[in-house]
C-alpha cells in the first residue's frame, strides 16, 4: 500500500477469485480500519476477476460511502467487462493509474 495524493492506494495483480479474495478482503479492511475517507484500488494488472472479487470491492465501497468517503479504481479491461455486465461501473469513480511507486500487492 502507498499513499496516492493523500489517500491510500492498493495495487492488485493477477487473478481475483474465490481463492485469492480473502487476502484482498484482509488488505482492504486493514486500510479501511485506519479511518481513511478515500481509497484508490489499482486493478490495471488484474487478468481475471469474478463475482467474489466484485463483492469485496462493493463492500469496501459501501463502507467508505457510509462515512462520506469514496473508493476509486483504475480498472483492467477484464475489470471493466465485469463492471459493465453487472451494471456497477458507475459505482466506482474512475481514477488514473497510480505511478510506479512500490505499493503492497494483494492477490
Protein backbone atom coordinates (compact mmCIF):
# COMPACT_ATOMS: atom_id res chain seq x y z
CA UNK A 1 0.00 0.00 0.00
CA UNK A 2 1.08 3.56 -0.55
CA UNK A 3 -0.39 6.99 -0.32
CA UNK A 4 -1.58 8.43 -3.64
CA UNK A 5 -2.41 12.11 -3.42
CA UNK A 6 -3.48 11.97 0.21
CA UNK A 7 -5.30 8.66 0.08
CA UNK A 8 -4.19 5.06 0.42
CA UNK A 9 -3.63 3.09 -2.76
CA UNK A 10 -3.74 -0.71 -3.06
CA UNK A 11 -2.36 -2.35 -6.19
CA UNK A 12 -3.76 -5.75 -7.12
CA UNK A 13 -2.20 -8.08 -9.68
CA UNK A 14 -3.05 -11.48 -11.12
CA UNK A 15 -6.41 -13.11 -10.56
CA UNK A 16 -9.16 -12.18 -8.13
CA UNK A 17 -11.29 -15.22 -7.44
CA UNK A 18 -12.64 -17.21 -4.51
CA UNK A 19 -9.13 -18.43 -3.67
CA UNK A 20 -7.45 -15.02 -3.62
CA UNK A 21 -10.32 -12.85 -2.40
CA UNK A 22 -9.69 -13.46 1.34
CA UNK A 23 -6.25 -11.83 1.01
CA UNK A 24 -7.72 -8.89 -0.89
CA UNK A 25 -10.50 -8.50 1.69
CA UNK A 26 -7.95 -8.51 4.53
CA UNK A 27 -5.83 -5.81 2.87
CA UNK A 28 -8.80 -3.58 2.06
CA UNK A 29 -10.31 -3.98 5.53
CA UNK A 30 -6.97 -3.14 7.16
CA UNK A 31 -6.76 0.06 5.11
CA UNK A 32 -10.37 0.98 5.86
CA UNK A 33 -9.78 0.35 9.58
CA UNK A 34 -7.39 3.33 9.54
CA UNK A 35 -10.41 5.61 9.12
CA UNK A 36 -9.42 6.92 5.69
CA UNK A 37 -12.07 8.71 3.64
CA UNK A 38 -10.64 7.77 0.28
CA UNK A 39 -9.12 4.64 -1.19
CA UNK A 40 -7.75 4.00 -4.65
CA UNK A 41 -7.56 0.43 -5.91
CA UNK A 42 -5.30 -0.11 -8.92
CA UNK A 43 -6.62 -3.13 -10.83
CA UNK A 44 -4.71 -2.49 -14.04
CA UNK A 45 -2.64 -5.65 -13.58
CA UNK A 46 -5.66 -7.90 -12.90
CA UNK A 47 -6.03 -10.62 -15.55
CA UNK A 48 -9.25 -12.11 -14.15
CA UNK A 49 -11.89 -11.06 -11.65
CA UNK A 50 -15.03 -12.94 -10.68
CA UNK A 51 -18.12 -12.06 -8.66
CA UNK A 52 -16.37 -12.71 -5.34
CA UNK A 53 -13.86 -10.00 -6.21
CA UNK A 54 -16.63 -7.64 -7.19
CA UNK A 55 -18.37 -8.36 -3.90
CA UNK A 56 -15.26 -7.32 -1.93
CA UNK A 57 -14.93 -4.10 -3.93
CA UNK A 58 -18.61 -3.29 -3.40
CA UNK A 59 -18.37 -3.98 0.34
CA UNK A 60 -15.34 -1.68 0.61
CA UNK A 61 -17.10 0.98 -1.43
CA UNK A 62 -20.19 0.77 0.78
CA UNK A 63 -18.11 1.01 3.95
CA UNK A 64 -16.38 4.16 2.68
CA UNK A 65 -19.63 5.62 1.37
CA UNK A 66 -21.26 5.26 4.81
CA UNK A 67 -18.70 7.65 6.27
CA UNK A 68 -18.71 10.05 3.35
CA UNK A 69 -15.68 8.58 1.60
CA UNK A 70 -15.04 7.33 -1.90
CA UNK A 71 -13.38 4.29 -3.46
CA UNK A 72 -11.88 4.83 -6.89
CA UNK A 73 -10.49 2.21 -9.23
CA UNK A 74 -8.11 2.06 -12.15
CA UNK A 75 -9.58 -0.97 -13.94
CA UNK A 76 -8.08 -3.54 -16.25
CA UNK A 77 -10.05 -4.49 -19.37
CA UNK A 78 -11.28 -7.60 -17.52
CA UNK A 79 -12.49 -5.48 -14.62
CA UNK A 80 -14.27 -3.07 -16.96
CA UNK A 81 -16.06 -6.01 -18.59
CA UNK A 82 -17.30 -7.31 -15.23
CA UNK A 83 -18.42 -3.87 -14.09
CA UNK A 84 -20.30 -3.29 -17.32
CA UNK A 85 -22.01 -6.70 -17.33
CA UNK A 86 -23.10 -6.23 -13.71
CA UNK A 87 -24.05 -2.58 -14.29
CA UNK A 88 -21.85 -1.47 -11.39
CA UNK A 89 -19.30 0.60 -13.31
CA UNK A 90 -20.94 3.86 -12.22
CA UNK A 91 -20.45 2.96 -8.56
CA UNK A 92 -16.67 3.29 -8.88
CA UNK A 93 -15.44 6.71 -9.96
CA UNK A 94 -12.54 6.39 -12.37
CA UNK A 95 -9.11 7.45 -11.28
CA UNK A 96 -5.81 7.43 -13.11
CA UNK A 97 -3.48 4.53 -12.58
CA UNK A 98 -1.00 5.27 -9.78
CA UNK A 99 2.62 5.96 -10.60
CA UNK A 100 5.17 3.21 -10.27
CA UNK A 101 5.92 3.60 -6.55
CA UNK A 102 6.14 0.36 -4.60
CA UNK A 103 2.65 -0.40 -3.26
CA UNK A 104 1.72 -3.56 -1.42
CA UNK A 105 0.25 -6.12 -3.75
CA UNK A 106 -2.75 -8.22 -2.93
CA UNK A 107 -3.55 -11.42 -4.77
